[in-house]
Structure formats: structure tokens, C-alpha cells
Amino acid sequence: MFHLLLAIIYLSFISLGLPDALLGSAWPVMYGELAVPVSYAGMISMIIAAGTIISSLLSDWLTCKLGAGKVTAISVAMTAAALFGFSTCSAFWMLCLWAIPYGLGAGSVDASLNNYVALHYASRHMSWLHCMWGVGASVGPYIMGFVLSGGGHWTGGYRCIGILQIILTAILFLSLPLWKSRKDAAGEDEKAEAKPLTPGQILQIPGAKEIMVTFFCYCAVEQTAGLWASSYLALYKGVPGETAASFASMFFIGITVGRALNGFLTMKLSDTQLIRIGQGIILLGIVAMLLPLGEAVSLAGLILIGLGCAPIYPCIIHSTPAHFGADKSQALIGVQMASAYIGTCLMPPLFGLIAGHVSIVLLPVYLLAILILMAVMHERMLKRVTA
């Protein structure tokens, strides 16, 4: 039963990634048909992000009331319904409406699943599970591209992913007894989780504000580097546009491969050690981008930043119960997820303004400033939870 539930959780993480890159891969076709400016993709992304922030903050209350298994199943069902809704859209306002349940479903399942794994499984599984998210995020655009290249409509791509999500929803509902059995086998009655914490109570927990800022900074580094690396290479380093695009993809490959490797490293090193090592590797990558040594060094810098990012997200999540207690971990992971989405929403566009009004040359400096704040906040959190 243990291995069967773990396999279902792995499938769930793949499912989390499947829709994440769909909008970006299909938008070049969608916006013309919908007769809206290309920039309107940002509006849909913001609606989805707002939903994820709200549902992440509510995840503690929902998990206390329903349990991790039901929250996961219901949330995946919501995203499946939203994807099918996307596949029926013929106007932009319809996409905006369906983005609401999509975001609400995505935030709840992310926070609830991460907390469940942090409580019940070894750190290596957290890294490998987030690697599986990367697999899902890669497969989603491939399915959309396959549909479009075969003469299909973008709505068909959304429908294919929606069908996969419906199949997973059925599996999750059938697996609900396994979640209960796993809880009982672990000896977790979770009585302490019966009373969800309010945002004010969460902020009073020593180290809570620091870990929120840490998570905000991590996602700011990851998303800013992923979004702007290609433009930095093309506009400042003089790399041809096609080459710059392929270089930028190496950043995401670095994260995915790094998380696969990180699962093995967790058998020898602690979560805190891996977070520090990751921050050090990101620093090396930023320095490599700053050096005027040509394309190869810039590519190495991007890959290093991706590899450095790999352990930080899963290790922070997995260490949450150890730092804050199992009774508070769901609430803390919920606010961490919310902080992550806020960082994702705010910091890449902020650099866009800097690049437009000052210079894109400042990308490594921008990343370095965020990295320093991340490292300082993480160390302050460690001191507060061990004081």
C-alpha cells in the first residue's frame, strides 16, 4: 500500500506540471484567433496566480477539514474542469473566467501534497517528486505542439490534458482509503491540525516571516532567470536569438536534472546543507554570467544557476515540519506557497521595467541582490527556530 500511494503521489506531481506551460506554448496561436493583444496572456497568468495565492493561504483550513487526500482529489478535479473549460472558449473573457477555478485548484493541491510528502516521506522523494513536476511541465507543451502540428486546434490540446487530469482524478478518488491507511500506519492522528492557524498566528511563529521571504526570493531568482536569460544573452552578450533561446532552455534542464541528482544527495547531506550548497552554486552561476568571457561561460553560468536552484525549493519544503513542527507545517507550507507565487508575479516584471528604463545588463546584479537576501533570511530563520 505504501508503494502504491507513493506511485499515485508521483503521478499527481506530473499532473501538477502538465498544464503549467500550456498557455505559453499555445498563446502564439490563441491570441490572434481571440483578437486580443499578445500581452493579454499576462492577464490570464495573473488571474491564475491570484487564485493560487488565495487557495494556498486556505490550504491549512481545507486540509484540516477534508484531509490531504480529498483536497488533492478535489483540486485536481477543479483543474480538470478548468482545462475542459479552456477547450470550449471562443472569447478572451471566457478564458479569464475558467482561469479562476484553475488557479484555486492548483494552489490547494500544491500546498497540501507538499506538506503530506514532507510529513510522511524521506527528503529524496521530495526532490524526485519536484523533478516529476518538471517532466509534466515538459510533456504539456509537447502534447500541445503535437496537436497543433497535426492540424488540430489549440482547444484540442487543452482537451487532451483535461482528459489526463480526469483519469488522475478518478485514480485519486479511488485511492482515498490509502491516504487514511498511510496516516494510521505512520501513527499520525493529526489532532493538532484540527484547528487551522490564522494568518496572524502564523506570522507570530518564530522564523515564519523569514522563511516566507526566503521562498519569495527563491522563486524570484528562478522565474526572473528563466524569463530574462534569453534576452540578456541576445541583447548584451550578442548571442544570436535562436542560440539564446536554446541556451535559456538549459536553465530548466539544469533544474530538472539537478533535482534528480539531489534525491541521491539527500541520502548523505541534510536539507540545510543542500540549500546552502544550492545558494553557493547559484552564486557561481551569476559570477560566470558577469564575466566577459564569451558564450560558453555564459551558458555554463545559466546551467549552474539552474543546478543551484534544484535543491532549494524541495529542501525548504521538506525541512518545514522539522523546523516548525508537524502541527504547524501545513499552515507554514501554505504561506510559503503564497509567498512563492507573489515572488513569481512581482519580481520578473519588475526587472522588465529595470531592463526597459535602465539596462538589461543589470540582470546578474538583480539576481545577486535577491540571492543575498534569500541567504540572509534563511540563516536568520535557522537561528530563530533553534534559539
Protein backbone atom coordinates (compact mmCIF):
# COMPACT_ATOMS: atom_id res chain seq x y z
CA MET A 1 0.00 0.00 0.00
CA PHE A 2 2.90 2.32 0.85
CA HIS A 3 4.42 1.95 -2.61
CA LEU A 4 1.06 2.23 -4.37
CA LEU A 5 0.24 5.54 -2.66
CA LEU A 6 3.72 6.84 -3.40
CA ALA A 7 3.25 5.97 -7.07
CA ILE A 8 -0.06 7.88 -7.06
CA ILE A 9 1.64 10.90 -5.49
CA TYR A 10 4.32 10.78 -8.21
CA LEU A 11 1.54 10.79 -10.82
CA SER A 12 -0.03 13.76 -9.03
CA PHE A 13 3.19 15.78 -9.28
CA ILE A 14 3.41 15.04 -13.01
CA SER A 15 -0.20 16.22 -13.22
CA LEU A 16 0.72 19.46 -11.43
CA GLY A 17 3.23 20.27 -14.16
CA LEU A 18 1.19 19.24 -17.21
CA PRO A 19 -0.91 22.43 -17.57
CA ASP A 20 1.71 24.92 -16.34
CA ALA A 21 3.37 25.66 -19.69
CA LEU A 22 0.30 25.11 -21.88
CA LEU A 23 -0.71 28.76 -22.10
CA GLY A 24 2.76 29.87 -23.14
CA SER A 25 3.07 27.17 -25.80
CA ALA A 26 -0.38 27.81 -27.30
CA TRP A 27 -0.64 31.59 -26.92
CA PRO A 28 1.08 32.49 -30.23
CA VAL A 29 -1.84 30.74 -31.93
CA MET A 30 -4.54 31.71 -29.43
CA TYR A 31 -4.18 35.49 -29.24
CA GLY A 32 -4.68 36.10 -32.95
CA GLU A 33 -7.78 33.94 -33.08
CA LEU A 34 -9.20 35.63 -29.99
CA ALA A 35 -8.39 39.08 -31.45
CA VAL A 36 -6.52 40.36 -28.38
CA PRO A 37 -3.02 41.83 -27.96
CA VAL A 38 -0.21 39.38 -27.28
CA SER A 39 0.30 40.97 -23.85
CA TYR A 40 -3.10 39.70 -22.65
CA ALA A 41 -1.51 36.36 -21.71
CA GLY A 42 -0.23 38.21 -18.66
CA MET A 43 -3.79 38.92 -17.54
CA ILE A 44 -4.69 35.24 -17.57
CA SER A 45 -1.49 34.38 -15.72
CA MET A 46 -2.26 37.00 -13.07
CA ILE A 47 -5.79 35.61 -12.53
CA ILE A 48 -4.37 32.10 -12.15
CA ALA A 49 -1.68 33.37 -9.77
CA ALA A 50 -4.24 35.24 -7.65
CA GLY A 51 -6.26 32.03 -7.33
CA THR A 52 -3.21 30.03 -6.31
CA ILE A 53 -2.28 32.59 -3.65
CA ILE A 54 -5.79 32.52 -2.16
CA SER A 55 -6.06 28.72 -2.17
CA SER A 56 -2.54 28.33 -0.77
CA LEU A 57 -3.48 30.51 2.19
CA LEU A 58 -6.66 28.44 2.67
CA SER A 59 -4.84 25.10 2.36
CA ASP A 60 -4.35 24.70 6.12
CA TRP A 61 -8.08 25.11 6.79
CA LEU A 62 -9.05 22.87 3.88
CA THR A 63 -6.64 20.10 4.85
CA CYS A 64 -7.81 20.19 8.46
CA LYS A 65 -11.41 19.82 7.34
CA LEU A 66 -11.01 17.32 4.50
CA GLY A 67 -7.60 15.68 4.75
CA ALA A 68 -4.76 15.74 2.21
CA GLY A 69 -6.24 13.01 0.02
CA LYS A 70 -9.60 14.69 -0.50
CA VAL A 71 -8.04 18.12 -1.01
CA THR A 72 -5.75 16.67 -3.68
CA ALA A 73 -8.56 14.82 -5.47
CA ILE A 74 -10.97 17.78 -5.41
CA SER A 75 -8.27 20.22 -6.52
CA VAL A 76 -7.20 18.07 -9.46
CA ALA A 77 -10.90 17.73 -10.39
CA MET A 78 -11.15 21.55 -10.40
CA THR A 79 -8.13 21.91 -12.67
CA ALA A 80 -9.53 19.20 -14.98
CA ALA A 81 -12.82 21.09 -15.22
CA ALA A 82 -10.96 24.34 -15.89
CA LEU A 83 -8.88 22.75 -18.66
CA PHE A 84 -12.04 21.46 -20.31
CA GLY A 85 -13.46 24.94 -19.89
CA PHE A 86 -10.43 26.38 -21.71
CA SER A 87 -11.08 23.91 -24.53
CA THR A 88 -14.56 25.39 -25.08
CA CYS A 89 -13.51 29.06 -25.12
CA SER A 90 -14.15 31.24 -28.13
CA ALA A 91 -13.57 34.62 -26.46
CA PHE A 92 -10.93 36.06 -24.16
CA TRP A 93 -13.34 36.77 -21.29
CA MET A 94 -14.21 33.07 -21.18
CA LEU A 95 -10.54 32.22 -20.62
CA CYS A 96 -10.47 34.69 -17.73
CA LEU A 97 -13.47 33.01 -16.09
CA TRP A 98 -12.03 29.50 -16.38
CA ALA A 99 -8.68 30.75 -15.05
CA ILE A 100 -10.36 31.26 -11.65
CA PRO A 101 -11.06 27.56 -10.83
CA TYR A 102 -7.76 26.64 -12.44
CA GLY A 103 -5.82 28.85 -10.01
CA LEU A 104 -7.88 27.86 -6.98
CA GLY A 105 -7.35 24.18 -7.69
CA ALA A 106 -3.64 24.48 -8.39
CA GLY A 107 -2.75 26.28 -5.14
CA SER A 108 -4.57 23.88 -2.82
CA VAL A 109 -3.15 20.71 -4.32
CA ASP A 110 0.39 22.14 -4.39
CA ALA A 111 0.43 23.10 -0.70
CA SER A 112 -1.44 20.02 0.54
CA LEU A 113 0.64 17.50 -1.43
CA ASN A 114 3.93 19.13 -0.47
CA ASN A 115 3.02 19.06 3.21
CA TYR A 116 1.87 15.42 3.06
CA VAL A 117 5.15 14.34 1.46
CA ALA A 118 7.19 16.43 3.93
CA LEU A 119 5.44 14.71 6.85
CA HIS A 120 5.44 11.13 5.60
CA TYR A 121 8.33 10.57 3.20
CA ALA A 122 12.11 10.96 3.04
CA SER A 123 13.72 14.08 1.57
CA ARG A 124 14.84 12.23 -1.58
CA HIS A 125 11.21 11.73 -2.59
CA MET A 126 10.54 15.45 -2.31
CA SER A 127 13.36 16.15 -4.77
CA TRP A 128 12.33 13.40 -7.16
CA LEU A 129 8.68 14.46 -6.98
CA HIS A 130 9.59 18.00 -7.96
CA CYS A 131 11.67 16.51 -10.76
CA MET A 132 8.47 14.79 -11.90
CA TRP A 133 6.77 18.18 -11.92
CA GLY A 134 9.45 19.24 -14.42
CA VAL A 135 8.65 16.18 -16.54
CA GLY A 136 4.97 17.16 -16.57
CA ALA A 137 5.80 20.77 -17.43
CA SER A 138 7.85 19.50 -20.40
CA VAL A 139 5.24 16.99 -21.63
CA GLY A 140 2.37 19.52 -21.61
CA PRO A 141 3.80 21.78 -24.36
CA TYR A 142 4.84 18.69 -26.32
CA ILE A 143 1.23 17.47 -26.37
CA MET A 144 0.01 20.92 -27.42
CA GLY A 145 2.65 21.07 -30.15
CA PHE A 146 1.72 17.59 -31.36
CA VAL A 147 -1.94 18.59 -31.66
CA LEU A 148 -1.14 21.86 -33.47
CA SER A 149 1.42 20.34 -35.83
CA GLY A 150 -1.10 17.64 -36.74
CA GLY A 151 -3.55 20.28 -37.95
CA GLY A 152 -5.57 20.32 -34.75
CA HIS A 153 -6.93 23.30 -32.83
CA TRP A 154 -5.40 24.64 -29.62
CA THR A 155 -8.62 23.69 -27.84
CA GLY A 156 -7.78 20.06 -28.67
CA GLY A 157 -4.50 20.37 -26.77
CA TYR A 158 -6.32 21.60 -23.68
CA ARG A 159 -8.86 18.81 -24.08
CA CYS A 160 -6.12 16.15 -24.18
CA ILE A 161 -4.56 17.43 -20.95
CA GLY A 162 -8.05 17.69 -19.44
CA ILE A 163 -8.69 14.01 -20.19
CA LEU A 164 -5.42 13.05 -18.50
CA GLN A 165 -6.43 15.11 -15.46
CA ILE A 166 -9.85 13.41 -15.32
CA ILE A 167 -8.17 9.99 -15.35
CA LEU A 168 -5.92 11.10 -12.50
CA THR A 169 -8.93 12.49 -10.61
CA ALA A 170 -10.62 9.08 -10.79
CA ILE A 171 -7.43 7.39 -9.54
CA LEU A 172 -7.16 9.87 -6.66
CA PHE A 173 -10.76 9.34 -5.51
CA LEU A 174 -10.28 5.56 -5.68
CA SER A 175 -7.07 5.90 -3.65
CA LEU A 176 -8.62 7.83 -0.73
CA PRO A 177 -8.53 4.78 1.62
CA LEU A 178 -4.76 4.55 1.04
CA TRP A 179 -4.23 8.09 2.34
CA LYS A 180 -6.05 7.18 5.55
CA SER A 181 -4.11 3.93 5.91
CA ARG A 182 -0.82 5.75 5.43
CA LYS A 183 -1.76 8.25 8.12
CA ASP A 184 -2.67 5.50 10.57
CA ALA A 185 0.45 3.47 9.79
CA ALA A 186 2.62 6.48 10.49
CA GLY A 187 0.90 6.98 13.83
CA GLU A 188 -0.27 10.44 12.91
CA ASP A 189 -3.65 11.26 14.39
CA GLU A 190 -3.12 14.89 13.37
CA LYS A 191 -5.25 16.12 16.22
CA ALA A 192 -3.01 19.10 16.48
CA GLU A 193 -4.07 20.09 12.98
CA ALA A 194 -7.75 20.19 13.92
CA LYS A 195 -7.56 23.94 14.48
CA PRO A 196 -6.19 25.78 11.46
CA LEU A 197 -3.98 28.76 12.17
CA THR A 198 -4.97 32.28 11.21
CA PRO A 199 -2.53 34.43 9.18
CA GLY A 200 -1.81 36.47 12.30
CA GLN A 201 -0.96 33.35 14.30
CA ILE A 202 1.30 32.09 11.52
CA LEU A 203 3.25 35.34 11.42
CA GLN A 204 3.83 35.10 15.20
CA ILE A 205 5.67 31.79 14.80
CA PRO A 206 9.44 32.35 15.17
CA GLY A 207 11.09 32.18 11.76
CA ALA A 208 7.82 32.31 9.77
CA LYS A 209 8.41 35.75 8.25
CA GLU A 210 11.99 34.85 7.40
CA ILE A 211 11.07 31.62 5.59
CA MET A 212 8.34 33.47 3.68
CA VAL A 213 10.90 36.00 2.42
CA THR A 214 13.30 33.14 1.62
CA PHE A 215 10.68 31.46 -0.54
CA PHE A 216 9.71 34.76 -2.16
CA CYS A 217 13.36 35.32 -3.11
CA TYR A 218 13.92 31.80 -4.38
CA CYS A 219 11.01 31.97 -6.82
CA ALA A 220 12.05 35.49 -7.82
CA VAL A 221 15.50 34.18 -8.80
CA GLU A 222 14.14 31.13 -10.61
CA GLN A 223 11.42 32.90 -12.59
CA THR A 224 13.45 36.03 -13.39
CA ALA A 225 16.38 33.97 -14.67
CA GLY A 226 14.06 31.73 -16.68
CA LEU A 227 12.20 34.66 -18.25
CA TRP A 228 15.02 37.09 -18.98
CA ALA A 229 18.13 34.93 -19.57
CA SER A 230 17.49 34.60 -23.29
CA SER A 231 17.03 38.36 -23.74
CA TYR A 232 20.15 39.06 -21.65
CA LEU A 233 22.26 36.77 -23.82
CA ALA A 234 20.90 38.20 -27.06
CA LEU A 235 20.87 41.90 -26.18
CA TYR A 236 24.02 42.15 -24.04
CA LYS A 237 26.23 39.17 -24.87
CA GLY A 238 25.46 39.36 -28.59
CA VAL A 239 24.33 35.73 -28.84
CA PRO A 240 22.07 35.10 -31.89
CA GLY A 241 18.38 34.92 -30.96
CA GLU A 242 17.95 31.25 -31.89
CA THR A 243 21.04 30.26 -29.91
CA ALA A 244 19.97 32.39 -26.95
CA ALA A 245 16.61 30.60 -26.84
CA SER A 246 18.28 27.20 -26.76
CA PHE A 247 20.70 28.42 -24.08
CA ALA A 248 17.78 29.56 -21.92
CA SER A 249 16.23 26.09 -22.10
CA MET A 250 19.39 24.74 -20.47
CA PHE A 251 18.41 26.60 -17.31
CA PHE A 252 15.26 24.49 -16.92
CA ILE A 253 17.13 21.32 -17.86
CA GLY A 254 19.58 22.21 -15.08
CA ILE A 255 16.75 22.39 -12.55
CA THR A 256 15.18 19.09 -13.64
CA VAL A 257 18.47 17.15 -13.78
CA GLY A 258 19.61 18.80 -10.56
CA ARG A 259 16.52 17.63 -8.68
CA ALA A 260 17.02 14.09 -9.92
CA LEU A 261 20.60 14.17 -8.62
CA ASN A 262 19.56 15.94 -5.44
CA GLY A 263 17.40 12.96 -4.46
CA PHE A 264 20.56 10.89 -4.14
CA LEU A 265 22.49 13.64 -2.32
CA THR A 266 19.79 13.79 0.38
CA MET A 267 20.94 10.34 1.49
CA LYS A 268 24.27 11.87 2.57
CA LEU A 269 23.52 15.54 3.26
CA SER A 270 20.86 17.38 5.26
CA ASP A 271 18.24 19.70 3.79
CA THR A 272 20.04 22.74 5.26
CA GLN A 273 23.39 21.69 3.78
CA LEU A 274 21.84 21.20 0.35
CA ILE A 275 20.09 24.59 0.49
CA ARG A 276 23.42 26.28 1.29
CA ILE A 277 25.21 24.36 -1.47
CA GLY A 278 22.46 25.37 -3.91
CA GLN A 279 22.85 29.03 -2.99
CA GLY A 280 26.61 28.74 -3.49
CA ILE A 281 26.18 27.19 -6.95
CA ILE A 282 23.73 29.97 -7.93
CA LEU A 283 26.38 32.49 -6.85
CA LEU A 284 28.96 30.81 -9.10
CA GLY A 285 26.49 30.91 -11.98
CA ILE A 286 25.81 34.62 -11.51
CA VAL A 287 29.55 35.37 -11.40
CA ALA A 288 30.00 33.38 -14.62
CA MET A 289 27.30 35.49 -16.31
CA LEU A 290 29.05 38.66 -15.17
CA LEU A 291 32.42 37.67 -16.60
CA PRO A 292 33.15 38.91 -20.14
CA LEU A 293 34.35 35.51 -21.33
CA GLY A 294 32.04 34.58 -24.18
CA GLU A 295 29.08 32.34 -24.93
CA ALA A 296 30.42 29.14 -23.36
CA VAL A 297 30.93 30.73 -19.95
CA SER A 298 27.51 32.41 -20.11
CA LEU A 299 25.92 29.04 -20.92
CA ALA A 300 27.79 27.45 -18.02
CA GLY A 301 26.51 30.23 -15.77
CA LEU A 302 22.90 29.58 -16.76
CA ILE A 303 23.25 25.84 -16.19
CA LEU A 304 24.87 26.49 -12.79
CA ILE A 305 22.01 28.76 -11.74
CA GLY A 306 19.56 26.02 -12.71
CA LEU A 307 21.53 23.36 -10.84
CA GLY A 308 21.76 25.64 -7.81
CA CYS A 309 18.02 26.24 -7.84
CA ALA A 310 17.32 22.50 -7.92
CA PRO A 311 17.65 21.59 -4.21
CA ILE A 312 16.35 24.79 -2.64
CA TYR A 313 12.58 24.51 -3.24
CA PRO A 314 12.14 20.83 -2.28
CA CYS A 315 14.55 21.01 0.66
CA ILE A 316 12.87 24.07 2.19
CA ILE A 317 9.51 22.34 1.92
CA HIS A 318 10.77 19.04 3.33
CA SER A 319 12.50 20.73 6.29
CA THR A 320 9.38 22.68 7.30
CA PRO A 321 7.96 20.06 9.74
CA ALA A 322 11.40 19.67 11.37
CA HIS A 323 11.83 23.43 11.80
CA PHE A 324 8.29 24.42 12.78
CA GLY A 325 6.60 21.22 13.95
CA ALA A 326 4.27 18.79 12.19
CA ASP A 327 1.24 20.53 13.72
CA LYS A 328 2.17 23.82 12.03
CA SER A 329 3.72 22.57 8.80
CA GLN A 330 0.57 22.74 6.65
CA ALA A 331 -0.02 26.37 7.63
CA LEU A 332 3.63 27.27 7.02
CA ILE A 333 3.79 25.50 3.67
CA GLY A 334 0.58 27.26 2.65
CA VAL A 335 2.06 30.72 3.30
CA GLN A 336 5.33 29.64 1.68
CA MET A 337 3.44 28.70 -1.48
CA ALA A 338 1.62 32.04 -1.39
CA SER A 339 4.95 33.87 -0.96
CA ALA A 340 6.36 31.89 -3.88
CA TYR A 341 3.53 32.91 -6.19
CA ILE A 342 3.83 36.54 -5.14
CA GLY A 343 7.55 36.45 -5.94
CA THR A 344 6.78 34.86 -9.28
CA CYS A 345 4.20 37.55 -10.10
CA LEU A 346 6.13 40.63 -9.00
CA MET A 347 9.87 40.22 -9.49
CA PRO A 348 10.22 39.21 -13.17
CA PRO A 349 8.00 42.13 -14.32
CA LEU A 350 9.96 44.46 -12.02
CA PHE A 351 13.17 43.50 -13.76
CA GLY A 352 11.39 44.08 -17.06
CA LEU A 353 10.88 47.70 -16.02
CA ILE A 354 14.55 47.96 -14.99
CA ALA A 355 15.66 46.46 -18.30
CA GLY A 356 13.44 48.84 -20.25
CA HIS A 357 14.32 52.01 -18.38
CA VAL A 358 17.95 51.34 -17.37
CA SER A 359 19.64 48.32 -18.97
CA ILE A 360 19.27 44.56 -19.27
CA VAL A 361 22.94 44.37 -18.34
CA LEU A 362 21.78 44.53 -14.71
CA LEU A 363 20.24 41.03 -14.75
CA PRO A 364 23.11 39.31 -12.87
CA VAL A 365 23.24 42.19 -10.36
CA TYR A 366 19.48 41.91 -9.81
CA LEU A 367 19.73 38.15 -9.28
CA LEU A 368 22.69 38.63 -6.93
CA ALA A 369 20.80 41.11 -4.74
CA ILE A 370 17.85 38.71 -4.42
CA LEU A 371 20.19 35.77 -3.72
CA ILE A 372 21.91 37.65 -0.90
CA LEU A 373 18.55 38.50 0.69
CA MET A 374 17.47 34.85 0.33
CA ALA A 375 20.63 33.55 2.05
CA VAL A 376 20.42 36.09 4.88
CA MET A 377 16.74 35.33 5.55
CA HIS A 378 17.34 31.56 5.53
CA GLU A 379 20.17 31.86 8.04
CA ARG A 380 18.05 34.13 10.23
CA MET A 381 15.23 31.60 10.12
CA LEU A 382 17.60 28.82 11.23
CA LYS A 383 18.76 30.89 14.19
CA ARG A 384 15.21 31.71 15.25
CA VAL A 385 13.88 28.14 15.11
CA THR A 386 16.89 26.79 17.01
CA ALA A 387 17.00 29.58 19.61
